[in-house]
Amino acid sequence: MLLYIVTYDIPSDRRRRRVANLLEGYGRRVQWSVFECVLPSHLFTELKKRLKGRVNLEEDSIRFYVVSGHTIGQVEVWGGVPVTELPGSTIV
């Protein structure tokens, strides 16, 4: 499993709400348009497929960042909730 950070910029309230609702089923909201999702690769593929049907890529922007267990300790958080931990990992 890996930590996927999903960010989006979607001007349409309806599409933005639909994307956020979908992402809540896969991860944890850490900022208004940022989710952290700890997923096996097959669920990440499923998430992307489902997201594709909810966005208009001519107007919307979605970014996916992959954070491995090797680099998760390098994530720096100021305020808010701590970084989502990978199963079996320790964050110092």
N, C-alpha and C. Protein backbone atom coordinates (compact mmCIF):
# COMPACT_ATOMS: atom_id res chain seq x y z
N MET A 1 0.83 -1.18 0.00
CA MET A 1 0.00 0.00 0.00
C MET A 1 0.88 1.24 0.00
N LEU A 2 0.35 2.28 -0.64
CA LEU A 2 1.03 3.56 -0.71
C LEU A 2 0.08 4.66 -0.25
N LEU A 3 0.66 5.79 0.10
CA LEU A 3 -0.13 6.97 0.42
C LEU A 3 -0.24 7.80 -0.84
N TYR A 4 -1.47 8.05 -1.26
CA TYR A 4 -1.74 8.89 -2.42
C TYR A 4 -2.33 10.19 -1.93
N ILE A 5 -1.74 11.29 -2.32
CA ILE A 5 -2.29 12.60 -2.01
C ILE A 5 -3.01 13.08 -3.26
N VAL A 6 -4.28 13.35 -3.10
CA VAL A 6 -5.12 13.77 -4.23
C VAL A 6 -5.56 15.21 -3.97
N THR A 7 -5.23 16.08 -4.91
CA THR A 7 -5.63 17.48 -4.81
C THR A 7 -6.46 17.84 -6.03
N TYR A 8 -7.33 18.81 -5.85
CA TYR A 8 -8.16 19.20 -6.99
C TYR A 8 -8.50 20.68 -6.95
N ASP A 9 -8.75 21.21 -8.12
CA ASP A 9 -9.24 22.57 -8.31
C ASP A 9 -10.38 22.46 -9.30
N ILE A 10 -11.60 22.57 -8.80
CA ILE A 10 -12.79 22.35 -9.62
C ILE A 10 -13.74 23.53 -9.42
N PRO A 11 -13.97 24.34 -10.47
CA PRO A 11 -14.80 25.53 -10.31
C PRO A 11 -16.29 25.25 -10.11
N SER A 12 -16.78 24.14 -10.60
CA SER A 12 -18.20 23.82 -10.49
C SER A 12 -18.50 23.24 -9.10
N ASP A 13 -19.43 23.87 -8.37
CA ASP A 13 -19.80 23.37 -7.04
C ASP A 13 -20.30 21.93 -7.11
N ARG A 14 -21.11 21.63 -8.09
CA ARG A 14 -21.69 20.28 -8.21
C ARG A 14 -20.61 19.22 -8.43
N ARG A 15 -19.72 19.47 -9.38
CA ARG A 15 -18.65 18.50 -9.66
C ARG A 15 -17.70 18.39 -8.47
N ARG A 16 -17.39 19.53 -7.85
CA ARG A 16 -16.49 19.53 -6.70
C ARG A 16 -17.08 18.70 -5.56
N ARG A 17 -18.35 18.86 -5.31
CA ARG A 17 -19.03 18.09 -4.26
C ARG A 17 -19.02 16.59 -4.58
N ARG A 18 -19.26 16.26 -5.84
CA ARG A 18 -19.26 14.84 -6.25
C ARG A 18 -17.88 14.22 -6.09
N VAL A 19 -16.83 14.97 -6.43
CA VAL A 19 -15.45 14.48 -6.28
C VAL A 19 -15.13 14.30 -4.80
N ALA A 20 -15.46 15.30 -3.99
CA ALA A 20 -15.17 15.22 -2.55
C ALA A 20 -15.90 14.03 -1.92
N ASN A 21 -17.16 13.84 -2.27
CA ASN A 21 -17.92 12.71 -1.72
C ASN A 21 -17.28 11.38 -2.09
N LEU A 22 -16.82 11.25 -3.32
CA LEU A 22 -16.15 10.02 -3.74
C LEU A 22 -14.86 9.82 -2.96
N LEU A 23 -14.05 10.86 -2.85
CA LEU A 23 -12.76 10.74 -2.17
C LEU A 23 -12.93 10.41 -0.69
N GLU A 24 -14.01 10.87 -0.07
CA GLU A 24 -14.24 10.55 1.34
C GLU A 24 -14.38 9.05 1.56
N GLY A 25 -14.77 8.32 0.53
CA GLY A 25 -14.87 6.87 0.63
C GLY A 25 -13.53 6.15 0.48
N TYR A 26 -12.51 6.89 0.06
CA TYR A 26 -11.20 6.29 -0.18
C TYR A 26 -10.11 6.81 0.76
N GLY A 27 -10.37 7.93 1.41
CA GLY A 27 -9.31 8.50 2.23
C GLY A 27 -9.84 9.53 3.20
N ARG A 28 -8.94 10.39 3.64
CA ARG A 28 -9.24 11.38 4.67
C ARG A 28 -8.94 12.78 4.14
N ARG A 29 -9.92 13.65 4.33
CA ARG A 29 -9.72 15.04 3.91
C ARG A 29 -8.78 15.71 4.92
N VAL A 30 -7.71 16.33 4.42
CA VAL A 30 -6.76 17.02 5.30
C VAL A 30 -6.77 18.53 5.06
N GLN A 31 -7.28 18.97 3.93
CA GLN A 31 -7.54 20.37 3.63
C GLN A 31 -8.75 20.40 2.71
N TRP A 32 -9.26 21.59 2.41
CA TRP A 32 -10.50 21.68 1.63
C TRP A 32 -10.44 20.89 0.33
N SER A 33 -9.36 20.94 -0.38
CA SER A 33 -9.26 20.26 -1.67
C SER A 33 -8.11 19.27 -1.70
N VAL A 34 -7.80 18.69 -0.54
CA VAL A 34 -6.69 17.74 -0.44
C VAL A 34 -7.12 16.54 0.39
N PHE A 35 -6.90 15.36 -0.18
CA PHE A 35 -7.20 14.11 0.51
C PHE A 35 -5.95 13.24 0.58
N GLU A 36 -5.79 12.51 1.67
CA GLU A 36 -4.75 11.49 1.81
C GLU A 36 -5.44 10.14 1.80
N CYS A 37 -5.01 9.28 0.89
CA CYS A 37 -5.63 7.98 0.71
C CYS A 37 -4.57 6.89 0.78
N VAL A 38 -4.67 5.99 1.75
CA VAL A 38 -3.77 4.84 1.82
C VAL A 38 -4.49 3.69 1.13
N LEU A 39 -3.95 3.28 -0.02
CA LEU A 39 -4.65 2.31 -0.85
C LEU A 39 -3.69 1.31 -1.49
N PRO A 40 -4.17 0.09 -1.71
CA PRO A 40 -3.42 -0.82 -2.58
C PRO A 40 -3.60 -0.32 -4.02
N SER A 41 -2.71 -0.73 -4.90
CA SER A 41 -2.72 -0.20 -6.27
C SER A 41 -4.03 -0.45 -7.00
N HIS A 42 -4.69 -1.57 -6.76
CA HIS A 42 -5.93 -1.83 -7.49
C HIS A 42 -7.05 -0.86 -7.07
N LEU A 43 -7.08 -0.45 -5.81
CA LEU A 43 -8.09 0.53 -5.39
C LEU A 43 -7.75 1.93 -5.90
N PHE A 44 -6.47 2.23 -6.02
CA PHE A 44 -6.08 3.53 -6.59
C PHE A 44 -6.50 3.59 -8.06
N THR A 45 -6.32 2.50 -8.78
CA THR A 45 -6.76 2.43 -10.17
C THR A 45 -8.28 2.60 -10.26
N GLU A 46 -9.00 1.94 -9.36
CA GLU A 46 -10.46 2.06 -9.32
C GLU A 46 -10.87 3.51 -9.03
N LEU A 47 -10.22 4.15 -8.06
CA LEU A 47 -10.52 5.53 -7.72
C LEU A 47 -10.35 6.44 -8.93
N LYS A 48 -9.23 6.31 -9.63
CA LYS A 48 -8.99 7.16 -10.80
C LYS A 48 -10.06 6.94 -11.87
N LYS A 49 -10.44 5.71 -12.07
CA LYS A 49 -11.48 5.39 -13.06
C LYS A 49 -12.81 6.05 -12.68
N ARG A 50 -13.15 5.98 -11.40
CA ARG A 50 -14.41 6.58 -10.93
C ARG A 50 -14.35 8.10 -10.98
N LEU A 51 -13.20 8.67 -10.67
CA LEU A 51 -13.05 10.12 -10.72
C LEU A 51 -13.21 10.65 -12.15
N LYS A 52 -12.69 9.90 -13.10
CA LYS A 52 -12.73 10.33 -14.50
C LYS A 52 -14.15 10.65 -14.96
N GLY A 53 -15.12 9.92 -14.44
CA GLY A 53 -16.52 10.14 -14.80
C GLY A 53 -17.16 11.33 -14.10
N ARG A 54 -16.45 11.96 -13.17
CA ARG A 54 -17.03 13.06 -12.39
C ARG A 54 -16.41 14.41 -12.68
N VAL A 55 -15.42 14.46 -13.56
CA VAL A 55 -14.73 15.72 -13.82
C VAL A 55 -14.81 16.11 -15.29
N ASN A 56 -14.56 17.38 -15.53
CA ASN A 56 -14.47 17.92 -16.88
C ASN A 56 -13.03 18.41 -17.01
N LEU A 57 -12.19 17.67 -17.70
CA LEU A 57 -10.77 17.98 -17.75
C LEU A 57 -10.44 19.24 -18.54
N GLU A 58 -11.43 19.82 -19.20
CA GLU A 58 -11.22 21.11 -19.85
C GLU A 58 -11.30 22.25 -18.83
N GLU A 59 -11.98 22.00 -17.70
CA GLU A 59 -12.15 23.03 -16.67
C GLU A 59 -11.51 22.66 -15.34
N ASP A 60 -11.43 21.39 -15.04
CA ASP A 60 -11.00 20.91 -13.73
C ASP A 60 -9.55 20.44 -13.75
N SER A 61 -8.95 20.44 -12.58
CA SER A 61 -7.59 19.93 -12.43
C SER A 61 -7.54 19.01 -11.22
N ILE A 62 -6.99 17.81 -11.42
CA ILE A 62 -6.78 16.87 -10.32
C ILE A 62 -5.33 16.43 -10.39
N ARG A 63 -4.68 16.38 -9.23
CA ARG A 63 -3.28 15.93 -9.15
C ARG A 63 -3.19 14.78 -8.16
N PHE A 64 -2.35 13.81 -8.52
CA PHE A 64 -2.11 12.65 -7.68
C PHE A 64 -0.62 12.61 -7.33
N TYR A 65 -0.31 12.59 -6.06
CA TYR A 65 1.07 12.49 -5.60
C TYR A 65 1.20 11.19 -4.83
N VAL A 66 2.24 10.43 -5.12
CA VAL A 66 2.48 9.14 -4.47
C VAL A 66 3.58 9.32 -3.43
N VAL A 67 3.29 8.89 -2.20
CA VAL A 67 4.27 8.95 -1.12
C VAL A 67 4.47 7.52 -0.63
N SER A 68 5.69 7.03 -0.79
CA SER A 68 5.98 5.65 -0.38
C SER A 68 6.35 5.61 1.09
N GLY A 69 6.41 4.43 1.65
CA GLY A 69 6.85 4.25 3.02
C GLY A 69 8.26 4.77 3.22
N HIS A 70 9.02 4.76 2.15
CA HIS A 70 10.41 5.22 2.18
C HIS A 70 10.51 6.73 2.39
N THR A 71 9.54 7.48 1.87
CA THR A 71 9.62 8.94 1.92
C THR A 71 8.59 9.59 2.84
N ILE A 72 7.70 8.82 3.42
CA ILE A 72 6.63 9.41 4.23
C ILE A 72 7.18 10.18 5.43
N GLY A 73 8.32 9.75 5.95
CA GLY A 73 8.93 10.45 7.07
C GLY A 73 9.45 11.82 6.71
N GLN A 74 9.55 12.11 5.43
CA GLN A 74 10.03 13.42 4.98
C GLN A 74 8.91 14.43 4.80
N VAL A 75 7.67 13.98 4.95
CA VAL A 75 6.54 14.90 4.82
C VAL A 75 6.51 15.79 6.06
N GLU A 76 6.43 17.08 5.83
CA GLU A 76 6.42 18.05 6.92
C GLU A 76 5.03 18.66 7.01
N VAL A 77 4.45 18.65 8.20
CA VAL A 77 3.11 19.19 8.40
C VAL A 77 3.18 20.29 9.45
N TRP A 78 2.61 21.43 9.14
CA TRP A 78 2.53 22.54 10.09
C TRP A 78 1.05 22.77 10.39
N GLY A 79 0.61 22.44 11.56
CA GLY A 79 -0.79 22.61 11.94
C GLY A 79 -1.66 21.53 11.31
N GLY A 80 -2.92 21.53 11.66
CA GLY A 80 -3.83 20.55 11.09
C GLY A 80 -3.60 19.15 11.60
N VAL A 81 -4.06 18.19 10.84
CA VAL A 81 -3.96 16.78 11.24
C VAL A 81 -2.61 16.21 10.79
N PRO A 82 -2.09 15.21 11.53
CA PRO A 82 -0.83 14.59 11.12
C PRO A 82 -0.99 13.80 9.83
N VAL A 83 0.12 13.47 9.20
CA VAL A 83 0.11 12.69 7.97
C VAL A 83 -0.51 11.33 8.24
N THR A 84 -1.30 10.85 7.31
CA THR A 84 -1.88 9.53 7.41
C THR A 84 -0.77 8.49 7.35
N GLU A 85 -0.77 7.58 8.31
CA GLU A 85 0.29 6.58 8.35
C GLU A 85 -0.03 5.40 7.45
N LEU A 86 1.00 4.84 6.88
CA LEU A 86 0.88 3.59 6.12
C LEU A 86 0.82 2.46 7.13
N PRO A 87 0.09 1.41 6.84
CA PRO A 87 0.09 0.25 7.75
C PRO A 87 1.51 -0.28 7.96
N GLY A 88 1.88 -0.47 9.21
CA GLY A 88 3.19 -1.01 9.51
C GLY A 88 4.32 0.00 9.46
N SER A 89 4.00 1.29 9.29
CA SER A 89 5.06 2.31 9.24
C SER A 89 5.06 3.11 10.53
N THR A 90 6.17 3.71 10.80
CA THR A 90 6.31 4.59 11.95
C THR A 90 6.79 5.94 11.45
N ILE A 91 6.09 6.99 11.87
CA ILE A 91 6.49 8.34 11.49
C ILE A 91 7.14 8.99 12.69
N VAL A 92 8.34 9.53 12.47
CA VAL A 92 9.08 10.16 13.55
C VAL A 92 9.00 11.66 13.40
